[in-house]
Protein backbone atom coordinates (compact mmCIF):
# COMPACT_ATOMS: atom_id res chain seq x y z
CA MET A 1 -5.54 17.93 11.91
CA ASN A 2 -3.84 15.31 14.05
CA MET A 3 -5.41 11.90 14.59
CA LEU A 4 -6.44 12.48 18.20
CA ARG A 5 -8.27 15.71 17.30
CA ARG A 6 -9.93 13.97 14.33
CA LYS A 7 -11.20 11.16 16.56
CA ILE A 8 -12.48 13.61 19.16
CA LEU A 9 -14.26 15.59 16.44
CA PHE A 10 -15.71 12.38 15.04
CA LEU A 11 -17.01 11.29 18.42
CA ALA A 12 -18.43 14.74 19.10
CA LEU A 13 -20.30 14.97 15.79
CA GLY A 14 -21.45 11.37 15.51
CA ALA A 15 -20.96 8.34 13.30
CA SER A 16 -22.52 9.92 10.21
CA LEU A 17 -19.67 12.43 9.88
CA LEU A 18 -17.66 12.08 6.69
CA ILE A 19 -13.97 12.79 7.11
CA GLY A 20 -11.50 14.04 4.54
CA CYS A 21 -11.72 15.65 1.13
CA ASP A 22 -12.44 12.30 -0.54
CA ASN A 23 -15.61 11.86 1.54
CA ASN A 24 -14.14 8.80 3.17
CA THR A 25 -16.36 7.32 5.81
CA PRO A 26 -15.12 6.99 9.39
CA LEU A 27 -14.70 3.25 8.73
CA MET A 28 -12.50 4.01 5.72
CA GLU A 29 -10.37 6.31 7.87
CA GLU A 30 -9.88 3.61 10.51
CA VAL A 31 -9.00 1.02 7.87
CA GLN A 32 -6.48 3.37 6.27
CA ASN A 33 -4.89 3.80 9.69
CA GLY A 34 -4.80 0.04 10.26
CA GLU A 35 -7.01 0.37 13.34
CA ILE A 36 -8.68 -3.03 13.34
CA GLU A 37 -10.41 -2.71 16.72
CA ASN A 38 -11.82 0.71 15.84
CA ALA A 39 -12.89 -0.68 12.46
CA ARG A 40 -14.57 -3.64 14.15
CA ALA A 41 -16.52 -1.26 16.40
CA LEU A 42 -17.59 0.92 13.48
CA ILE A 43 -18.71 -2.07 11.39
CA ALA A 44 -21.32 -2.80 14.04
CA THR A 45 -22.87 0.64 13.48
CA THR A 46 -22.31 0.95 9.72
CA ALA A 47 -25.49 0.85 7.68
CA ASP A 48 -23.72 0.00 4.41
CA ILE A 49 -20.26 -1.60 4.48
CA ASN A 50 -20.08 -1.08 0.71
CA GLU A 51 -20.60 2.68 0.94
CA ARG A 52 -18.40 4.63 -1.47
CA ASN A 53 -16.27 7.75 -1.25
CA SER A 54 -16.09 10.51 -3.89
CA TYR A 55 -14.10 8.26 -6.23
CA GLY A 56 -16.28 5.20 -5.85
CA TRP A 57 -13.83 3.44 -3.53
CA THR A 58 -15.19 1.06 -0.93
CA VAL A 59 -13.59 0.33 2.41
CA LEU A 60 -12.42 -3.04 1.03
CA MET A 61 -10.48 -1.24 -1.70
CA HIS A 62 -8.66 0.79 0.94
CA ALA A 63 -7.73 -2.36 2.88
CA ALA A 64 -6.56 -4.05 -0.34
CA ARG A 65 -4.38 -1.09 -1.32
CA LEU A 66 -2.68 -1.39 2.05
CA GLY A 67 -2.43 -5.19 1.86
CA ASN A 68 -4.00 -5.64 5.28
CA VAL A 69 -5.31 -9.22 5.14
CA GLU A 70 -6.71 -9.12 8.67
CA LEU A 71 -8.86 -6.14 7.74
CA LEU A 72 -9.81 -7.70 4.41
CA LYS A 73 -11.09 -10.80 6.23
CA LEU A 74 -13.03 -8.71 8.75
CA LEU A 75 -14.66 -6.68 5.99
CA VAL A 76 -15.55 -9.65 3.77
CA GLU A 77 -16.96 -11.55 6.77
CA ASN A 78 -19.19 -8.54 7.38
CA GLY A 79 -20.54 -8.28 3.85
CA ALA A 80 -17.99 -6.28 1.87
CA ASP A 81 -18.41 -6.87 -1.86
CA VAL A 82 -15.17 -8.45 -3.07
CA ASN A 83 -16.05 -7.62 -6.68
CA ALA A 84 -17.09 -3.98 -6.34
CA GLN A 85 -15.45 -1.66 -8.85
CA ASP A 86 -14.82 2.06 -8.46
CA GLU A 87 -15.73 4.68 -11.05
CA ASP A 88 -12.53 3.86 -12.97
CA GLY A 89 -13.25 0.13 -12.98
CA TRP A 90 -10.67 -0.75 -10.31
CA SER A 91 -11.44 -3.58 -7.90
CA ALA A 92 -9.85 -4.50 -4.59
CA LEU A 93 -7.93 -7.27 -6.38
CA MET A 94 -6.45 -4.80 -8.86
CA ARG A 95 -5.34 -2.49 -6.05
CA ALA A 96 -3.65 -5.31 -4.14
CA ALA A 97 -2.00 -6.63 -7.34
CA LEU A 98 -0.65 -3.21 -8.31
CA LYS A 99 0.84 -2.65 -4.86
CA GLY A 100 2.44 -6.10 -4.67
CA HIS A 101 0.47 -7.44 -1.73
CA THR A 102 0.75 -11.16 -2.39
CA GLU A 103 -1.17 -12.40 0.65
CA ALA A 104 -3.97 -9.91 0.04
CA VAL A 105 -4.24 -11.11 -3.57
CA ARG A 106 -4.23 -14.74 -2.40
CA TYR A 107 -7.02 -14.02 0.08
CA LEU A 108 -9.14 -12.02 -2.37
CA LEU A 109 -8.88 -14.81 -4.94
CA SER A 110 -9.89 -17.35 -2.29
CA VAL A 111 -13.13 -15.47 -1.64
CA GLY A 112 -14.06 -15.11 -5.29
CA ALA A 113 -12.39 -11.96 -6.61
CA ASP A 114 -12.87 -11.79 -10.38
CA VAL A 115 -9.55 -11.86 -12.28
CA SER A 116 -11.21 -10.78 -15.53
CA PHE A 117 -12.27 -7.27 -14.47
CA LYS A 118 -10.88 -4.44 -16.56
CA ASP A 119 -10.34 -0.85 -15.50
CA ASN A 120 -11.19 2.13 -17.70
CA THR A 121 -7.98 1.51 -19.70
CA ASN A 122 -9.00 -2.12 -20.28
CA SER A 123 -6.12 -3.25 -18.05
CA THR A 124 -6.57 -6.21 -15.72
CA ALA A 125 -4.94 -7.09 -12.42
CA LEU A 126 -2.54 -9.22 -14.48
CA HIS A 127 -1.46 -6.19 -16.53
CA TRP A 128 -0.72 -4.21 -13.36
CA ALA A 129 1.13 -7.03 -11.58
CA ALA A 130 3.21 -7.76 -14.71
CA LEU A 131 4.03 -4.09 -15.21
CA ARG A 132 5.18 -3.72 -11.61
CA GLY A 133 7.21 -6.93 -11.60
CA HIS A 134 5.22 -8.80 -8.97
CA LYS A 135 6.07 -12.34 -10.05
CA ASP A 136 4.32 -14.16 -7.21
CA ILE A 137 1.13 -12.23 -7.89
CA VAL A 138 1.35 -12.86 -11.62
CA LEU A 139 1.55 -16.58 -10.85
CA LEU A 140 -1.44 -16.42 -8.48
CA LEU A 141 -3.49 -14.59 -11.11
CA LEU A 142 -2.48 -17.04 -13.83
CA ASP A 143 -3.38 -20.00 -11.63
CA ALA A 144 -6.76 -18.33 -11.02
CA GLY A 145 -7.41 -18.20 -14.75
CA ALA A 146 -6.30 -14.69 -15.72
CA ASP A 147 -6.33 -14.16 -19.49
CA VAL A 148 -2.84 -13.57 -20.94
CA THR A 149 -4.27 -12.31 -24.23
CA VAL A 150 -6.24 -9.26 -23.00
CA VAL A 151 -5.19 -6.10 -24.83
CA ASN A 152 -5.54 -2.76 -23.05
CA ASN A 153 -6.03 0.69 -24.58
CA ARG A 154 -2.28 1.05 -25.13
CA ARG A 155 -2.41 -2.15 -27.17
CA TRP A 156 -0.48 -3.96 -24.46
CA THR A 157 -1.04 -7.52 -23.40
CA PRO A 158 0.31 -8.42 -19.95
CA ILE A 159 3.53 -9.69 -21.59
CA LYS A 160 3.99 -6.34 -23.34
CA ALA A 161 3.41 -4.55 -20.01
CA ALA A 162 6.14 -6.68 -18.41
CA GLY A 163 8.44 -6.03 -21.37
CA THR A 164 8.15 -2.26 -21.04
CA GLU A 165 9.80 -2.54 -17.64
CA GLY A 166 12.29 -5.26 -18.55
CA GLU A 167 10.59 -7.86 -16.36
CA ASN A 168 12.18 -10.89 -18.05
CA ASP A 169 11.20 -13.39 -15.35
CA ILE A 170 7.57 -12.40 -15.78
CA ILE A 171 7.82 -12.57 -19.56
CA MET A 172 9.10 -16.16 -19.29
CA LEU A 173 6.34 -17.04 -16.82
CA LEU A 174 3.65 -15.57 -19.08
CA LYS A 175 5.04 -17.51 -22.04
CA ARG A 176 4.66 -20.74 -20.07
CA TYR A 177 0.96 -19.87 -19.80
CA GLY A 178 0.62 -19.33 -23.54
CA ALA A 179 1.33 -15.62 -23.89
CA THR A 180 3.05 -14.45 -27.03
CA GLU A 181 4.84 -11.22 -27.69
């Protein structure tokens, strides 16, 4: 269904309509489309800004995955829980770190995102950033107090995660923060 038809259907059926197979809320749909003005309008009528879809994602997690700092700010200013975790333990910070969205990570850290959260594999945002080679994000996480010694279910520390992808710059950075191989 094209976007115009979806919006018409949404308007015809009302704000309580859930769109998509993931049970994303209309606000989640607007955030995923980067529609800040539509999101702003929906926030005013949203009963729970921390409502979850079928996978436990919040609207803030969607904005973080996309790296949209303007939307992140709007959502946090309107009560979005920066430390909510989905059913797999993922937080907005982890999603932004995995995708390499440096400014989103910087913003989330500035509003209190917890760097110590672990997903269901016991991986942290630092594991994911190191694995993907996002050096600037690794540095932000380290400066925010991320633990370089956390071992995930694969028995990987963040330095081991970086090593599996040949991320030598990140390995050297992690060593400066006390990580060992």
